[in-house]
Amino acid sequence: MPGGNLRNEMIVKQIKEKGILTKFLEQAIKILIIKECKKIRNLKIDIISTSTQIIKGEIKKINISAEDINYKDLIFDELQLEADNLKINFKLINKELYFADNPRIKFKILLSQSSVRTVLLSDKWNWIGDKISNEILNLEKLIDIKIKDNQLLIKASKNNLSVNQVKRINIKTERGRIYLENNDYNKIIQIPIEDKIYIKNVNIENNLINICASSSISF
């Protein structure tokens, strides 16, 4: 498409125009993200904006990707994030960065069985696993969760006695929220997430949970 080629040429031109200020800003955002995470690997930040635009407090486009992330004891195997037309206040001397107007970002995260299991059985977040067990399985405590054949398999207990039967649970999204559904008991539960996050799509593929969403951010 002619329009697409023109857009690509403009992006390539903007990348070539990257100056030292753009690189400083990439480093500042990298430091900001690392401070927020207990663990993060292969963090890559790409800002598509000229130094002139940054001086004016504008970022045309930003792409961020990372792997093996621990954010507030939430574990993500992979993250891809993008945002357009950001307004910023960047102080070069001390590398302080502020985003104006709580900009909205689009992101995709991948969750493996290991990540989901670690989170839902952790001391901080096991209340969510127990809530799932109680509301859609009529049991008290989550014992284990697996991803097999692109489905969630949940095992729980009652009165400290493990229930050997493993239940298959469906995952879906509706009106920006994530739900788990037990068709056997005709029960459904909404997974608690921050109101500012809107879930566009969720599915399990290659035994990985894929979540596409958008959210406002504030730092």
N, C-alpha and C. Protein backbone atom coordinates (compact mmCIF):
# COMPACT_ATOMS: atom_id res chain seq x y z
N MET A 1 0.84 -1.20 0.00
CA MET A 1 0.00 0.00 0.00
C MET A 1 0.88 1.25 0.00
N PRO A 2 0.62 2.24 -0.88
CA PRO A 2 1.43 3.45 -0.95
C PRO A 2 1.48 4.19 0.38
N GLY A 3 0.32 4.29 1.06
CA GLY A 3 0.29 4.99 2.35
C GLY A 3 1.15 4.31 3.39
N GLY A 4 1.13 2.95 3.38
CA GLY A 4 1.94 2.21 4.33
C GLY A 4 3.42 2.40 4.09
N ASN A 5 3.82 2.42 2.81
CA ASN A 5 5.23 2.64 2.46
C ASN A 5 5.70 4.01 2.91
N LEU A 6 4.84 5.02 2.74
CA LEU A 6 5.19 6.37 3.15
C LEU A 6 5.38 6.46 4.66
N ARG A 7 4.47 5.77 5.40
CA ARG A 7 4.57 5.75 6.86
C ARG A 7 5.87 5.11 7.29
N ASN A 8 6.21 3.97 6.67
CA ASN A 8 7.44 3.27 7.02
C ASN A 8 8.68 4.13 6.73
N GLU A 9 8.64 4.84 5.60
CA GLU A 9 9.77 5.71 5.26
C GLU A 9 9.93 6.83 6.29
N MET A 10 8.81 7.34 6.78
CA MET A 10 8.87 8.40 7.79
C MET A 10 9.45 7.88 9.09
N ILE A 11 9.05 6.64 9.47
CA ILE A 11 9.57 6.05 10.70
C ILE A 11 11.07 5.82 10.59
N VAL A 12 11.51 5.30 9.43
CA VAL A 12 12.94 5.07 9.22
C VAL A 12 13.71 6.39 9.30
N LYS A 13 13.14 7.44 8.72
CA LYS A 13 13.79 8.75 8.77
C LYS A 13 13.90 9.25 10.20
N GLN A 14 12.83 9.05 10.99
CA GLN A 14 12.85 9.50 12.38
C GLN A 14 13.90 8.74 13.19
N ILE A 15 14.03 7.43 12.92
CA ILE A 15 15.03 6.63 13.63
C ILE A 15 16.43 7.14 13.33
N LYS A 16 16.67 7.48 12.03
CA LYS A 16 17.98 7.98 11.64
C LYS A 16 18.29 9.31 12.31
N GLU A 17 17.24 10.07 12.62
CA GLU A 17 17.42 11.37 13.23
C GLU A 17 17.60 11.30 14.75
N LYS A 18 17.59 10.11 15.30
CA LYS A 18 17.75 9.95 16.73
C LYS A 18 19.04 10.62 17.19
N GLY A 19 18.91 11.46 18.19
CA GLY A 19 20.09 12.14 18.71
C GLY A 19 20.39 11.68 20.12
N ILE A 20 21.34 12.36 20.74
CA ILE A 20 21.78 11.99 22.07
C ILE A 20 20.66 12.18 23.09
N LEU A 21 19.78 13.17 22.86
CA LEU A 21 18.69 13.41 23.79
C LEU A 21 17.71 12.24 23.80
N THR A 22 17.44 11.68 22.63
CA THR A 22 16.56 10.52 22.55
C THR A 22 17.16 9.34 23.30
N LYS A 23 18.45 9.14 23.16
CA LYS A 23 19.13 8.04 23.84
C LYS A 23 19.13 8.25 25.36
N PHE A 24 19.31 9.51 25.79
CA PHE A 24 19.22 9.81 27.22
C PHE A 24 17.84 9.46 27.75
N LEU A 25 16.81 9.80 26.97
CA LEU A 25 15.44 9.54 27.40
C LEU A 25 15.16 8.04 27.47
N GLU A 26 15.66 7.30 26.50
CA GLU A 26 15.51 5.83 26.54
C GLU A 26 16.14 5.27 27.82
N GLN A 27 17.31 5.79 28.17
CA GLN A 27 17.98 5.33 29.39
C GLN A 27 17.20 5.71 30.64
N ALA A 28 16.61 6.93 30.64
CA ALA A 28 15.83 7.37 31.79
C ALA A 28 14.60 6.48 32.00
N ILE A 29 13.93 6.12 30.91
CA ILE A 29 12.76 5.24 31.02
C ILE A 29 13.18 3.85 31.48
N LYS A 30 14.33 3.41 30.99
CA LYS A 30 14.84 2.10 31.40
C LYS A 30 15.09 2.07 32.90
N ILE A 31 15.71 3.12 33.42
CA ILE A 31 15.97 3.21 34.86
C ILE A 31 14.66 3.22 35.65
N LEU A 32 13.68 3.96 35.14
CA LEU A 32 12.37 4.06 35.79
C LEU A 32 11.70 2.70 35.88
N ILE A 33 11.74 1.93 34.79
CA ILE A 33 11.09 0.62 34.77
C ILE A 33 11.81 -0.35 35.69
N ILE A 34 13.14 -0.35 35.64
CA ILE A 34 13.92 -1.26 36.49
C ILE A 34 13.64 -1.01 37.97
N LYS A 35 13.46 0.25 38.34
CA LYS A 35 13.15 0.58 39.74
C LYS A 35 11.81 0.00 40.18
N GLU A 36 10.87 -0.10 39.23
CA GLU A 36 9.53 -0.58 39.55
C GLU A 36 9.46 -2.11 39.63
N CYS A 37 10.48 -2.80 39.11
CA CYS A 37 10.43 -4.26 39.02
C CYS A 37 11.47 -4.91 39.94
N LYS A 38 11.08 -6.01 40.54
CA LYS A 38 12.03 -6.79 41.33
C LYS A 38 13.00 -7.54 40.43
N LYS A 39 12.52 -7.87 39.24
CA LYS A 39 13.35 -8.61 38.29
C LYS A 39 12.85 -8.31 36.88
N ILE A 40 13.79 -8.17 35.95
CA ILE A 40 13.41 -7.98 34.55
C ILE A 40 14.63 -8.27 33.68
N ARG A 41 14.40 -8.97 32.57
CA ARG A 41 15.51 -9.32 31.66
C ARG A 41 15.20 -8.83 30.25
N ASN A 42 16.27 -8.65 29.50
CA ASN A 42 16.17 -8.28 28.08
C ASN A 42 15.23 -7.10 27.85
N LEU A 43 15.37 -6.09 28.70
CA LEU A 43 14.55 -4.89 28.56
C LEU A 43 15.06 -4.06 27.38
N LYS A 44 14.16 -3.79 26.43
CA LYS A 44 14.52 -3.01 25.25
C LYS A 44 13.53 -1.86 25.10
N ILE A 45 14.06 -0.68 24.87
CA ILE A 45 13.24 0.52 24.73
C ILE A 45 13.62 1.23 23.44
N ASP A 46 12.64 1.52 22.63
CA ASP A 46 12.88 2.19 21.35
C ASP A 46 11.95 3.39 21.25
N ILE A 47 12.53 4.57 21.26
CA ILE A 47 11.76 5.80 21.13
C ILE A 47 11.90 6.32 19.70
N ILE A 48 10.77 6.53 19.07
CA ILE A 48 10.76 7.10 17.73
C ILE A 48 10.35 8.56 17.87
N SER A 49 11.34 9.43 17.97
CA SER A 49 11.09 10.85 18.15
C SER A 49 12.40 11.59 17.96
N THR A 50 12.35 12.79 17.44
CA THR A 50 13.56 13.58 17.26
C THR A 50 13.87 14.35 18.55
N SER A 51 15.10 14.82 18.66
CA SER A 51 15.48 15.63 19.82
C SER A 51 14.63 16.89 19.91
N THR A 52 14.29 17.45 18.76
CA THR A 52 13.45 18.65 18.74
C THR A 52 12.09 18.38 19.35
N GLN A 53 11.50 17.24 18.99
CA GLN A 53 10.19 16.87 19.55
C GLN A 53 10.28 16.64 21.05
N ILE A 54 11.37 16.02 21.51
CA ILE A 54 11.54 15.75 22.94
C ILE A 54 11.69 17.06 23.71
N ILE A 55 12.45 18.01 23.15
CA ILE A 55 12.59 19.32 23.78
C ILE A 55 11.23 19.99 23.94
N LYS A 56 10.35 19.77 22.98
CA LYS A 56 8.99 20.32 23.05
C LYS A 56 8.09 19.52 24.01
N GLY A 57 8.64 18.42 24.57
CA GLY A 57 7.85 17.61 25.50
C GLY A 57 6.98 16.59 24.81
N GLU A 58 7.43 16.09 23.66
CA GLU A 58 6.64 15.14 22.90
C GLU A 58 7.44 13.88 22.58
N ILE A 59 6.77 12.74 22.68
CA ILE A 59 7.32 11.47 22.17
C ILE A 59 6.33 10.96 21.14
N LYS A 60 6.81 10.80 19.91
CA LYS A 60 5.94 10.36 18.82
C LYS A 60 5.48 8.92 19.05
N LYS A 61 6.40 8.06 19.39
CA LYS A 61 6.06 6.65 19.59
C LYS A 61 7.12 6.00 20.46
N ILE A 62 6.70 5.07 21.30
CA ILE A 62 7.64 4.31 22.12
C ILE A 62 7.24 2.84 22.11
N ASN A 63 8.23 1.97 21.95
CA ASN A 63 8.03 0.52 22.02
C ASN A 63 8.92 -0.03 23.13
N ILE A 64 8.35 -0.89 23.96
CA ILE A 64 9.08 -1.50 25.05
C ILE A 64 8.83 -3.00 25.03
N SER A 65 9.88 -3.78 25.21
CA SER A 65 9.72 -5.24 25.33
C SER A 65 10.65 -5.73 26.45
N ALA A 66 10.24 -6.83 27.09
CA ALA A 66 11.04 -7.39 28.17
C ALA A 66 10.62 -8.83 28.41
N GLU A 67 11.44 -9.55 29.18
CA GLU A 67 11.16 -10.94 29.51
C GLU A 67 11.42 -11.17 31.00
N ASP A 68 10.82 -12.24 31.51
CA ASP A 68 11.09 -12.71 32.87
C ASP A 68 10.94 -11.57 33.88
N ILE A 69 9.72 -11.04 33.98
CA ILE A 69 9.46 -9.84 34.76
C ILE A 69 8.77 -10.19 36.08
N ASN A 70 9.24 -9.56 37.15
CA ASN A 70 8.58 -9.63 38.45
C ASN A 70 8.20 -8.22 38.85
N TYR A 71 6.92 -7.90 38.70
CA TYR A 71 6.39 -6.58 39.04
C TYR A 71 5.41 -6.73 40.20
N LYS A 72 5.83 -6.29 41.38
CA LYS A 72 5.02 -6.40 42.59
C LYS A 72 4.59 -7.84 42.83
N ASP A 73 5.52 -8.78 42.60
CA ASP A 73 5.30 -10.22 42.78
C ASP A 73 4.31 -10.81 41.78
N LEU A 74 4.01 -10.06 40.73
CA LEU A 74 3.28 -10.60 39.58
C LEU A 74 4.32 -10.98 38.54
N ILE A 75 4.23 -12.21 38.03
CA ILE A 75 5.25 -12.75 37.15
C ILE A 75 4.74 -12.77 35.72
N PHE A 76 5.49 -12.16 34.79
CA PHE A 76 5.16 -12.16 33.38
C PHE A 76 6.34 -12.74 32.61
N ASP A 77 6.04 -13.68 31.72
CA ASP A 77 7.11 -14.28 30.92
C ASP A 77 7.61 -13.32 29.84
N GLU A 78 6.67 -12.64 29.20
CA GLU A 78 7.04 -11.66 28.18
C GLU A 78 6.09 -10.47 28.23
N LEU A 79 6.63 -9.31 27.86
CA LEU A 79 5.83 -8.09 27.79
C LEU A 79 6.18 -7.34 26.52
N GLN A 80 5.15 -6.87 25.82
CA GLN A 80 5.32 -5.96 24.69
C GLN A 80 4.39 -4.78 24.90
N LEU A 81 4.94 -3.58 24.82
CA LEU A 81 4.17 -2.38 25.13
C LEU A 81 4.44 -1.32 24.07
N GLU A 82 3.39 -0.57 23.73
CA GLU A 82 3.58 0.55 22.80
C GLU A 82 2.64 1.69 23.17
N ALA A 83 3.09 2.89 22.86
CA ALA A 83 2.27 4.08 23.11
C ALA A 83 2.62 5.13 22.07
N ASP A 84 1.64 5.97 21.73
CA ASP A 84 1.81 7.00 20.71
C ASP A 84 1.50 8.38 21.28
N ASN A 85 2.20 9.37 20.74
CA ASN A 85 1.89 10.78 21.02
C ASN A 85 1.83 11.09 22.52
N LEU A 86 2.94 10.84 23.19
CA LEU A 86 3.03 11.08 24.63
C LEU A 86 3.50 12.50 24.90
N LYS A 87 2.96 13.08 25.96
CA LYS A 87 3.41 14.37 26.44
C LYS A 87 4.25 14.14 27.70
N ILE A 88 5.45 14.73 27.71
CA ILE A 88 6.37 14.46 28.81
C ILE A 88 7.01 15.75 29.34
N ASN A 89 7.56 15.60 30.56
CA ASN A 89 8.43 16.62 31.13
C ASN A 89 9.73 15.91 31.50
N PHE A 90 10.78 16.17 30.74
CA PHE A 90 12.05 15.45 30.92
C PHE A 90 13.14 16.44 31.31
N LYS A 91 13.70 16.24 32.51
CA LYS A 91 14.78 17.09 33.00
C LYS A 91 16.10 16.37 32.76
N LEU A 92 16.86 16.89 31.81
CA LEU A 92 18.07 16.22 31.37
C LEU A 92 19.14 16.15 32.47
N ILE A 93 19.22 17.19 33.29
CA ILE A 93 20.30 17.27 34.28
C ILE A 93 20.27 16.09 35.25
N ASN A 94 19.10 15.81 35.80
CA ASN A 94 18.99 14.70 36.77
C ASN A 94 18.22 13.51 36.21
N LYS A 95 17.91 13.57 34.89
CA LYS A 95 17.22 12.48 34.19
C LYS A 95 15.86 12.16 34.80
N GLU A 96 15.19 13.16 35.34
CA GLU A 96 13.83 12.97 35.86
C GLU A 96 12.84 13.02 34.70
N LEU A 97 11.86 12.12 34.76
CA LEU A 97 10.89 12.01 33.67
C LEU A 97 9.48 11.93 34.25
N TYR A 98 8.60 12.72 33.68
CA TYR A 98 7.20 12.70 34.08
C TYR A 98 6.33 12.63 32.83
N PHE A 99 5.30 11.80 32.89
CA PHE A 99 4.33 11.72 31.80
C PHE A 99 3.14 12.61 32.14
N ALA A 100 2.72 13.40 31.18
CA ALA A 100 1.58 14.29 31.40
C ALA A 100 0.27 13.61 30.99
N ASP A 101 -0.79 13.99 31.66
CA ASP A 101 -2.16 13.59 31.29
C ASP A 101 -2.42 12.09 31.38
N ASN A 102 -1.66 11.37 32.19
CA ASN A 102 -1.87 9.93 32.36
C ASN A 102 -2.11 9.24 31.02
N PRO A 103 -1.09 9.15 30.18
CA PRO A 103 -1.28 8.61 28.81
C PRO A 103 -1.73 7.16 28.82
N ARG A 104 -2.33 6.74 27.72
CA ARG A 104 -2.83 5.38 27.58
C ARG A 104 -1.86 4.56 26.75
N ILE A 105 -1.60 3.35 27.19
CA ILE A 105 -0.68 2.45 26.51
C ILE A 105 -1.41 1.18 26.10
N LYS A 106 -0.88 0.51 25.08
CA LYS A 106 -1.35 -0.81 24.68
C LYS A 106 -0.26 -1.81 25.01
N PHE A 107 -0.65 -2.96 25.52
CA PHE A 107 0.37 -3.94 25.87
C PHE A 107 -0.15 -5.37 25.70
N LYS A 108 0.82 -6.27 25.57
CA LYS A 108 0.53 -7.71 25.49
C LYS A 108 1.46 -8.43 26.45
N ILE A 109 0.91 -9.34 27.23
CA ILE A 109 1.72 -10.13 28.15
C ILE A 109 1.48 -11.62 27.90
N LEU A 110 2.51 -12.40 28.11
CA LEU A 110 2.44 -13.85 28.01
C LEU A 110 2.70 -14.45 29.38
N LEU A 111 1.86 -15.42 29.77
CA LEU A 111 1.99 -16.08 31.07
C LEU A 111 2.10 -17.58 30.86
N SER A 112 3.13 -18.18 31.43
CA SER A 112 3.29 -19.62 31.37
C SER A 112 2.63 -20.26 32.58
N GLN A 113 2.55 -21.59 32.56
CA GLN A 113 2.02 -22.32 33.71
C GLN A 113 2.82 -22.01 34.96
N SER A 114 4.14 -21.97 34.83
CA SER A 114 5.00 -21.70 35.97
C SER A 114 4.71 -20.34 36.58
N SER A 115 4.52 -19.33 35.74
CA SER A 115 4.25 -17.97 36.22
C SER A 115 2.92 -17.90 36.95
N VAL A 116 1.88 -18.45 36.33
CA VAL A 116 0.54 -18.41 36.94
C VAL A 116 0.54 -19.16 38.26
N ARG A 117 1.19 -20.32 38.27
CA ARG A 117 1.24 -21.13 39.50
C ARG A 117 1.99 -20.40 40.61
N THR A 118 3.12 -19.79 40.26
CA THR A 118 3.92 -19.07 41.25
C THR A 118 3.13 -17.94 41.88
N VAL A 119 2.39 -17.20 41.06
CA VAL A 119 1.62 -16.06 41.57
C VAL A 119 0.47 -16.52 42.45
N LEU A 120 -0.34 -17.45 41.95
CA LEU A 120 -1.55 -17.85 42.68
C LEU A 120 -1.28 -18.66 43.94
N LEU A 121 -0.08 -19.21 44.06
CA LEU A 121 0.28 -19.95 45.27
C LEU A 121 1.21 -19.15 46.19
N SER A 122 1.50 -17.90 45.81
CA SER A 122 2.39 -17.07 46.61
C SER A 122 1.67 -16.52 47.85
N ASP A 123 2.44 -16.13 48.84
CA ASP A 123 1.85 -15.58 50.07
C ASP A 123 1.06 -14.29 49.80
N LYS A 124 1.51 -13.52 48.84
CA LYS A 124 0.88 -12.23 48.56
C LYS A 124 -0.41 -12.37 47.77
N TRP A 125 -0.46 -13.32 46.84
CA TRP A 125 -1.59 -13.39 45.91
C TRP A 125 -2.42 -14.67 46.04
N ASN A 126 -2.13 -15.52 47.03
CA ASN A 126 -2.88 -16.78 47.12
C ASN A 126 -4.36 -16.57 47.45
N TRP A 127 -4.69 -15.37 47.95
CA TRP A 127 -6.11 -15.10 48.22
C TRP A 127 -6.93 -15.14 46.93
N ILE A 128 -6.29 -14.79 45.80
CA ILE A 128 -7.01 -14.86 44.52
C ILE A 128 -7.25 -16.32 44.14
N GLY A 129 -6.21 -17.16 44.31
CA GLY A 129 -6.37 -18.59 44.02
C GLY A 129 -7.44 -19.22 44.89
N ASP A 130 -7.48 -18.86 46.19
CA ASP A 130 -8.49 -19.40 47.09
C ASP A 130 -9.89 -18.89 46.74
N LYS A 131 -9.95 -17.64 46.28
CA LYS A 131 -11.24 -17.08 45.86
C LYS A 131 -11.77 -17.83 44.64
N ILE A 132 -10.88 -18.15 43.70
CA ILE A 132 -11.27 -18.93 42.52
C ILE A 132 -11.80 -20.29 42.94
N SER A 133 -11.06 -20.96 43.82
CA SER A 133 -11.46 -22.30 44.29
C SER A 133 -12.83 -22.26 44.96
N ASN A 134 -13.04 -21.23 45.77
CA ASN A 134 -14.28 -21.14 46.53
C ASN A 134 -15.48 -20.84 45.65
N GLU A 135 -15.31 -19.90 44.73
CA GLU A 135 -16.47 -19.41 43.99
C GLU A 135 -16.85 -20.25 42.77
N ILE A 136 -15.90 -20.97 42.18
CA ILE A 136 -16.29 -21.76 41.00
C ILE A 136 -16.08 -23.27 41.19
N LEU A 137 -15.47 -23.66 42.33
CA LEU A 137 -15.29 -25.09 42.59
C LEU A 137 -15.96 -25.53 43.89
N ASN A 138 -16.46 -24.58 44.67
CA ASN A 138 -17.05 -24.88 45.98
C ASN A 138 -16.03 -25.53 46.91
N LEU A 139 -14.78 -25.17 46.77
CA LEU A 139 -13.72 -25.67 47.63
C LEU A 139 -13.01 -24.48 48.27
N GLU A 140 -12.13 -24.77 49.23
CA GLU A 140 -11.60 -23.69 50.05
C GLU A 140 -10.24 -23.15 49.59
N LYS A 141 -9.38 -24.03 49.13
CA LYS A 141 -8.00 -23.61 48.92
C LYS A 141 -7.44 -24.17 47.62
N LEU A 142 -6.79 -23.31 46.86
CA LEU A 142 -6.14 -23.75 45.62
C LEU A 142 -4.90 -24.57 45.96
N ILE A 143 -4.80 -25.75 45.36
CA ILE A 143 -3.65 -26.63 45.56
C ILE A 143 -2.69 -26.55 44.38
N ASP A 144 -3.23 -26.53 43.18
CA ASP A 144 -2.36 -26.52 42.00
C ASP A 144 -3.15 -26.00 40.80
N ILE A 145 -2.43 -25.46 39.84
CA ILE A 145 -3.03 -25.02 38.59
C ILE A 145 -2.07 -25.35 37.45
N LYS A 146 -2.61 -25.90 36.38
CA LYS A 146 -1.79 -26.29 35.23
C LYS A 146 -2.43 -25.79 33.94
N ILE A 147 -1.61 -25.70 32.92
CA ILE A 147 -2.11 -25.41 31.57
C ILE A 147 -1.78 -26.62 30.70
N LYS A 148 -2.83 -27.26 30.20
CA LYS A 148 -2.64 -28.46 29.38
C LYS A 148 -3.64 -28.45 28.24
N ASP A 149 -3.15 -28.74 27.04
CA ASP A 149 -4.02 -28.72 25.85
C ASP A 149 -4.79 -27.42 25.75
N ASN A 150 -4.08 -26.32 26.09
CA ASN A 150 -4.64 -24.96 26.00
C ASN A 150 -5.87 -24.76 26.88
N GLN A 151 -5.89 -25.46 28.02
CA GLN A 151 -6.95 -25.26 29.00
C GLN A 151 -6.32 -25.17 30.40
N LEU A 152 -7.04 -24.48 31.29
CA LEU A 152 -6.62 -24.41 32.69
C LEU A 152 -7.16 -25.61 33.45
N LEU A 153 -6.30 -26.26 34.20
CA LEU A 153 -6.69 -27.38 35.06
C LEU A 153 -6.43 -26.97 36.51
N ILE A 154 -7.47 -27.01 37.33
CA ILE A 154 -7.35 -26.53 38.71
C ILE A 154 -7.65 -27.66 39.69
N LYS A 155 -6.79 -27.74 40.70
CA LYS A 155 -6.98 -28.70 41.78
C LYS A 155 -7.05 -27.92 43.09
N ALA A 156 -8.04 -28.25 43.94
CA ALA A 156 -8.24 -27.50 45.17
C ALA A 156 -8.54 -28.46 46.32
N SER A 157 -8.72 -27.91 47.53
CA SER A 157 -8.98 -28.74 48.71
C SER A 157 -10.10 -28.14 49.55
N LYS A 158 -10.63 -28.99 50.45
CA LYS A 158 -11.65 -28.55 51.39
C LYS A 158 -11.38 -29.22 52.72
N ASN A 159 -11.43 -28.44 53.79
CA ASN A 159 -11.13 -28.95 55.13
C ASN A 159 -9.77 -29.64 55.17
N ASN A 160 -8.81 -29.01 54.46
CA ASN A 160 -7.43 -29.51 54.41
C ASN A 160 -7.28 -30.88 53.75
N LEU A 161 -8.33 -31.33 53.09
CA LEU A 161 -8.26 -32.60 52.38
C LEU A 161 -8.23 -32.34 50.88
N SER A 162 -7.21 -32.84 50.21
CA SER A 162 -7.06 -32.61 48.78
C SER A 162 -8.14 -33.35 48.00
N VAL A 163 -8.72 -32.68 47.05
CA VAL A 163 -9.72 -33.29 46.17
C VAL A 163 -9.01 -33.72 44.90
N ASN A 164 -9.02 -35.01 44.63
CA ASN A 164 -8.23 -35.54 43.51
C ASN A 164 -8.78 -35.14 42.14
N GLN A 165 -10.05 -34.83 42.09
CA GLN A 165 -10.64 -34.49 40.81
C GLN A 165 -10.12 -33.14 40.32
N VAL A 166 -9.64 -33.12 39.10
CA VAL A 166 -9.13 -31.89 38.48
C VAL A 166 -10.20 -31.32 37.57
N LYS A 167 -10.47 -30.04 37.71
CA LYS A 167 -11.52 -29.39 36.93
C LYS A 167 -10.93 -28.56 35.80
N ARG A 168 -11.55 -28.66 34.63
CA ARG A 168 -11.16 -27.83 33.50
C ARG A 168 -11.90 -26.51 33.56
N ILE A 169 -11.14 -25.43 33.46
CA ILE A 169 -11.70 -24.09 33.60
C ILE A 169 -11.45 -23.30 32.33
N ASN A 170 -12.48 -22.63 31.85
CA ASN A 170 -12.35 -21.78 30.67
C ASN A 170 -11.96 -20.36 31.10
N ILE A 171 -11.20 -19.68 30.24
CA ILE A 171 -10.83 -18.29 30.47
C ILE A 171 -11.36 -17.45 29.32
N LYS A 172 -11.94 -16.31 29.64
CA LYS A 172 -12.52 -15.46 28.59
C LYS A 172 -12.52 -14.01 29.06
N THR A 173 -12.80 -13.12 28.12
CA THR A 173 -12.91 -11.71 28.45
C THR A 173 -14.25 -11.16 28.00
N GLU A 174 -14.75 -10.20 28.75
CA GLU A 174 -16.03 -9.57 28.43
C GLU A 174 -16.05 -8.19 29.06
N ARG A 175 -16.35 -7.17 28.26
CA ARG A 175 -16.44 -5.79 28.72
C ARG A 175 -15.18 -5.35 29.46
N GLY A 176 -14.04 -5.78 28.94
CA GLY A 176 -12.77 -5.32 29.49
C GLY A 176 -12.29 -6.04 30.73
N ARG A 177 -12.98 -7.11 31.13
CA ARG A 177 -12.60 -7.87 32.33
C ARG A 177 -12.24 -9.30 31.95
N ILE A 178 -11.50 -9.99 32.83
CA ILE A 178 -11.16 -11.40 32.62
C ILE A 178 -12.03 -12.26 33.54
N TYR A 179 -12.55 -13.36 32.96
CA TYR A 179 -13.40 -14.26 33.73
C TYR A 179 -12.89 -15.70 33.61
N LEU A 180 -13.05 -16.46 34.69
CA LEU A 180 -12.85 -17.91 34.67
C LEU A 180 -14.22 -18.56 34.83
N GLU A 181 -14.44 -19.64 34.07
CA GLU A 181 -15.77 -20.24 34.01
C GLU A 181 -15.68 -21.75 34.19
N ASN A 182 -16.51 -22.27 35.07
CA ASN A 182 -16.63 -23.71 35.30
C ASN A 182 -17.97 -24.16 34.72
N ASN A 183 -17.94 -24.76 33.56
CA ASN A 183 -19.19 -25.17 32.91
C ASN A 183 -19.89 -26.29 33.66
N ASP A 184 -19.13 -27.14 34.35
CA ASP A 184 -19.75 -28.25 35.09
C ASP A 184 -20.69 -27.75 36.18
N TYR A 185 -20.28 -26.69 36.87
CA TYR A 185 -21.09 -26.13 37.96
C TYR A 185 -21.87 -24.89 37.52
N ASN A 186 -21.68 -24.49 36.25
CA ASN A 186 -22.32 -23.29 35.73
C ASN A 186 -22.00 -22.07 36.61
N LYS A 187 -20.70 -21.92 36.91
CA LYS A 187 -20.26 -20.81 37.75
C LYS A 187 -19.16 -20.04 37.04
N ILE A 188 -19.09 -18.76 37.37
CA ILE A 188 -18.12 -17.87 36.73
C ILE A 188 -17.60 -16.89 37.76
N ILE A 189 -16.34 -16.48 37.61
CA ILE A 189 -15.74 -15.52 38.53
C ILE A 189 -14.94 -14.49 37.74
N GLN A 190 -15.04 -13.25 38.15
CA GLN A 190 -14.25 -12.18 37.55
C GLN A 190 -12.93 -12.07 38.29
N ILE A 191 -11.82 -12.09 37.54
CA ILE A 191 -10.51 -11.95 38.15
C ILE A 191 -10.28 -10.48 38.50
N PRO A 192 -9.93 -10.18 39.73
CA PRO A 192 -9.75 -8.77 40.12
C PRO A 192 -8.51 -8.15 39.46
N ILE A 193 -8.71 -7.06 38.75
CA ILE A 193 -7.62 -6.27 38.18
C ILE A 193 -7.95 -4.80 38.37
N GLU A 194 -6.95 -3.94 38.22
CA GLU A 194 -7.17 -2.51 38.41
C GLU A 194 -8.18 -1.98 37.41
N ASP A 195 -9.00 -1.03 37.87
CA ASP A 195 -10.06 -0.47 37.02
C ASP A 195 -9.50 0.19 35.77
N LYS A 196 -8.29 0.75 35.85
CA LYS A 196 -7.74 1.48 34.71
C LYS A 196 -7.31 0.56 33.57
N ILE A 197 -7.23 -0.74 33.83
CA ILE A 197 -6.81 -1.71 32.81
C ILE A 197 -8.04 -2.24 32.07
N TYR A 198 -7.97 -2.21 30.75
CA TYR A 198 -9.06 -2.74 29.92
C TYR A 198 -8.52 -3.92 29.11
N ILE A 199 -9.09 -5.10 29.34
CA ILE A 199 -8.66 -6.31 28.65
C ILE A 199 -9.38 -6.42 27.32
N LYS A 200 -8.61 -6.40 26.23
CA LYS A 200 -9.21 -6.50 24.89
C LYS A 200 -9.42 -7.94 24.47
N ASN A 201 -8.47 -8.80 24.82
CA ASN A 201 -8.56 -10.19 24.39
C ASN A 201 -7.71 -11.06 25.30
N VAL A 202 -8.17 -12.28 25.53
CA VAL A 202 -7.39 -13.25 26.29
C VAL A 202 -7.62 -14.64 25.70
N ASN A 203 -6.55 -15.40 25.50
CA ASN A 203 -6.69 -16.76 25.01
C ASN A 203 -5.47 -17.57 25.44
N ILE A 204 -5.59 -18.87 25.30
CA ILE A 204 -4.47 -19.77 25.60
C ILE A 204 -4.03 -20.42 24.30
N GLU A 205 -2.76 -20.22 23.97
CA GLU A 205 -2.20 -20.75 22.74
C GLU A 205 -0.80 -21.26 23.03
N ASN A 206 -0.51 -22.48 22.56
CA ASN A 206 0.78 -23.12 22.85
C ASN A 206 1.04 -23.18 24.35
N ASN A 207 -0.06 -23.39 25.09
CA ASN A 207 -0.01 -23.49 26.56
C ASN A 207 0.55 -22.24 27.22
N LEU A 208 0.34 -21.10 26.58
CA LEU A 208 0.67 -19.80 27.15
C LEU A 208 -0.59 -18.94 27.16
N ILE A 209 -0.84 -18.25 28.26
CA ILE A 209 -1.96 -17.32 28.32
C ILE A 209 -1.52 -16.00 27.68
N ASN A 210 -2.25 -15.60 26.65
CA ASN A 210 -1.98 -14.35 25.93
C ASN A 210 -3.02 -13.31 26.33
N ILE A 211 -2.56 -12.19 26.84
CA ILE A 211 -3.47 -11.13 27.25
C ILE A 211 -3.12 -9.85 26.50
N CYS A 212 -4.07 -9.30 25.77
CA CYS A 212 -3.90 -8.01 25.10
C CYS A 212 -4.78 -7.00 25.83
N ALA A 213 -4.20 -5.86 26.19
CA ALA A 213 -4.94 -4.91 27.02
C ALA A 213 -4.42 -3.50 26.78
N SER A 214 -5.10 -2.56 27.39
CA SER A 214 -4.66 -1.17 27.40
C SER A 214 -4.86 -0.61 28.80
N SER A 215 -4.12 0.45 29.11
CA SER A 215 -4.20 1.02 30.44
C SER A 215 -3.63 2.43 30.43
N SER A 216 -4.11 3.26 31.33
CA SER A 216 -3.47 4.54 31.57
C SER A 216 -2.28 4.31 32.49
N ILE A 217 -1.29 5.18 32.41
CA ILE A 217 -0.12 5.05 33.28
C ILE A 217 0.15 6.38 33.96
N SER A 218 0.78 6.29 35.12
CA SER A 218 1.20 7.49 35.83
C SER A 218 2.45 7.18 36.62
N PHE A 219 3.49 8.00 36.44
CA PHE A 219 4.74 7.85 37.18
C PHE A 219 5.07 9.18 37.85
